């Protein structure tokens, strides 16, 4: 089965990094395996944003898992969306939940979870976890593979 990508505006085109998450365009493509439940994982070990109070950079390791319904997130648009947080000031919790909400709203997946493993500033790592509900029965959900903080490398 071939996937129609004619409606995509970023894949295969020169694309500037969006100035903010609000300006970023997340795109989707039809899932070619709607009849199967499987997990798609995106790992972003170098996610960055800015502290809204100090303007200092914050760093996180994001792991996004989802079981597709009718749609898949187009990976270049996801990369550009995640990159758009580099100059965005927001708390860890807000950044993590904004990513989750945009993906959920775009795809309406059967299941979605996100792990935001934030590197410490001031000696305290802040980790943010969220999922839409229980995973579909029979789907293998692997561990996210990010160790508890201990230099998180």
Protein backbone atom coordinates (compact mmCIF):
# COMPACT_ATOMS: atom_id res chain seq x y z
CA UNK A 1 0.00 0.00 0.00
CA UNK A 2 1.40 3.39 -0.94
CA UNK A 3 0.67 6.42 1.17
CA UNK A 4 -0.47 9.64 -0.48
CA UNK A 5 1.88 12.39 0.66
CA UNK A 6 0.68 15.08 -1.76
CA UNK A 7 -0.92 17.13 1.03
CA UNK A 8 2.29 17.36 3.08
CA UNK A 9 3.89 20.80 3.14
CA UNK A 10 7.22 19.98 4.81
CA UNK A 11 8.39 16.51 3.80
CA UNK A 12 10.57 16.76 0.71
CA UNK A 13 10.70 20.55 0.93
CA UNK A 14 13.19 22.99 2.39
CA UNK A 15 11.57 24.07 5.64
CA UNK A 16 12.55 26.72 8.16
CA UNK A 17 12.44 25.92 11.87
CA UNK A 18 9.21 27.37 13.27
CA UNK A 19 9.72 30.30 15.65
CA UNK A 20 7.39 28.81 18.28
CA UNK A 21 5.35 25.68 19.00
CA UNK A 22 2.20 27.64 18.14
CA UNK A 23 3.54 28.35 14.64
CA UNK A 24 4.76 24.79 14.08
CA UNK A 25 2.68 22.66 11.71
CA UNK A 26 2.27 19.01 12.69
CA UNK A 27 1.26 16.83 9.76
CA UNK A 28 -0.15 13.34 9.47
CA UNK A 29 -0.35 10.57 6.92
CA UNK A 30 -2.86 7.72 6.69
CA UNK A 31 -1.88 4.61 8.61
CA UNK A 32 -1.32 1.74 6.17
CA UNK A 33 -2.06 -0.88 8.88
CA UNK A 34 -5.32 0.24 10.46
CA UNK A 35 -6.23 -3.38 11.10
CA UNK A 36 -3.28 -3.99 13.46
CA UNK A 37 -2.46 -2.59 16.89
CA UNK A 38 1.24 -1.76 17.18
CA UNK A 39 3.37 0.83 18.96
CA UNK A 40 5.16 3.68 17.24
CA UNK A 41 7.95 5.26 19.31
CA UNK A 42 9.70 8.57 18.83
CA UNK A 43 12.69 9.33 21.03
CA UNK A 44 14.06 12.85 21.32
CA UNK A 45 17.10 12.69 23.63
CA UNK A 46 18.07 16.33 23.01
CA UNK A 47 14.81 18.24 23.52
CA UNK A 48 15.40 21.82 24.63
CA UNK A 49 13.30 24.73 25.81
CA UNK A 50 13.86 27.83 27.91
CA UNK A 51 13.03 28.46 31.54
CA UNK A 52 10.23 31.05 31.46
CA UNK A 53 11.67 32.81 34.51
CA UNK A 54 15.41 32.95 33.81
CA UNK A 55 15.66 32.32 30.07
CA UNK A 56 18.22 29.59 30.79
CA UNK A 57 18.08 26.46 28.63
CA UNK A 58 16.33 23.34 29.88
CA UNK A 59 17.06 19.89 28.47
CA UNK A 60 14.95 16.75 28.35
CA UNK A 61 14.83 13.27 26.92
CA UNK A 62 11.32 12.80 25.50
CA UNK A 63 9.88 9.40 24.65
CA UNK A 64 6.58 9.38 22.77
CA UNK A 65 4.73 6.08 22.28
CA UNK A 66 1.42 5.69 20.49
CA UNK A 67 -0.83 3.05 18.99
CA UNK A 68 -2.11 4.51 15.71
CA UNK A 69 -5.71 4.63 14.67
CA UNK A 70 -6.26 6.05 11.20
CA UNK A 71 -3.22 8.33 11.22
CA UNK A 72 0.56 8.42 11.71
CA UNK A 73 2.46 11.57 12.61
CA UNK A 74 4.78 12.65 9.80
CA UNK A 75 8.24 12.54 11.34
CA UNK A 76 9.80 15.64 9.73
CA UNK A 77 6.92 17.79 10.96
CA UNK A 78 7.31 16.26 14.43
CA UNK A 79 11.04 17.04 14.41
CA UNK A 80 10.36 20.65 13.43
CA UNK A 81 7.63 20.94 16.06
CA UNK A 82 9.93 19.63 18.80
CA UNK A 83 12.74 21.92 17.61
CA UNK A 84 10.39 24.92 17.83
CA UNK A 85 10.58 24.72 21.64
CA UNK A 86 14.26 25.79 21.63
CA UNK A 87 13.38 29.46 21.95
CA UNK A 88 10.13 28.90 23.82
CA UNK A 89 9.85 29.76 27.50
CA UNK A 90 7.70 27.32 29.41
CA UNK A 91 7.87 25.07 32.45
CA UNK A 92 8.77 21.39 32.03
CA UNK A 93 5.24 20.24 32.73
CA UNK A 94 3.75 22.59 30.14
CA UNK A 95 6.25 21.66 27.43
CA UNK A 96 5.64 17.93 27.95
CA UNK A 97 1.86 18.27 28.02
CA UNK A 98 1.80 20.62 25.01
CA UNK A 99 3.64 18.00 22.95
CA UNK A 100 1.22 15.30 24.11
CA UNK A 101 -1.89 17.38 23.44
CA UNK A 102 -0.84 18.39 19.93
CA UNK A 103 -0.15 14.78 18.95
CA UNK A 104 -3.37 13.55 20.55
CA UNK A 105 -5.44 16.23 18.85
CA UNK A 106 -3.83 15.61 15.44
CA UNK A 107 -3.97 11.82 15.39
CA UNK A 108 -6.72 10.71 17.76
CA UNK A 109 -4.60 7.60 18.40
CA UNK A 110 -5.91 4.46 20.06
CA UNK A 111 -3.40 5.14 22.84
CA UNK A 112 -0.67 7.69 23.55
CA UNK A 113 1.87 8.16 26.31
CA UNK A 114 4.74 10.56 26.78
CA UNK A 115 7.66 10.48 29.16
CA UNK A 116 9.44 13.79 29.67
CA UNK A 117 12.71 13.06 31.48
CA UNK A 118 14.08 16.50 32.33
CA UNK A 119 17.69 17.04 33.32
CA UNK A 120 18.10 18.77 36.67
CA UNK A 121 18.49 22.47 37.20
CA UNK A 122 19.04 23.45 40.79
CA UNK A 123 19.71 19.81 41.63
CA UNK A 124 16.20 18.47 41.00
CA UNK A 125 15.16 16.59 37.86
CA UNK A 126 11.50 16.98 36.99
CA UNK A 127 10.00 14.05 35.11
CA UNK A 128 6.55 14.34 33.53
CA UNK A 129 4.48 11.31 32.47
CA UNK A 130 1.06 11.19 30.83
CA UNK A 131 -1.04 8.75 28.85
CA UNK A 132 -4.51 8.70 27.38
CA UNK A 133 -5.65 5.62 29.33
CA UNK A 134 -4.91 1.91 29.38
CA UNK A 135 -3.02 0.50 26.43
CA UNK A 136 -5.03 -1.68 24.04
CA UNK A 137 -5.10 -5.29 25.17
CA UNK A 138 -2.46 -7.50 23.63
CA UNK A 139 -0.15 -4.68 22.53
CA UNK A 140 3.48 -4.98 23.61
CA UNK A 141 4.43 -1.76 25.38
CA UNK A 142 8.19 -1.71 25.95
CA UNK A 143 9.83 0.14 28.82
CA UNK A 144 10.83 3.64 27.78
CA UNK A 145 14.45 2.80 28.53
CA UNK A 146 15.43 6.03 30.26
CA UNK A 147 17.16 5.38 33.57
CA UNK A 148 16.12 7.21 36.73
CA UNK A 149 18.32 10.22 37.17
CA UNK A 150 21.96 9.38 37.80
CA UNK A 151 23.71 11.53 35.28
CA UNK A 152 21.07 10.36 32.81
CA UNK A 153 23.27 9.51 29.90
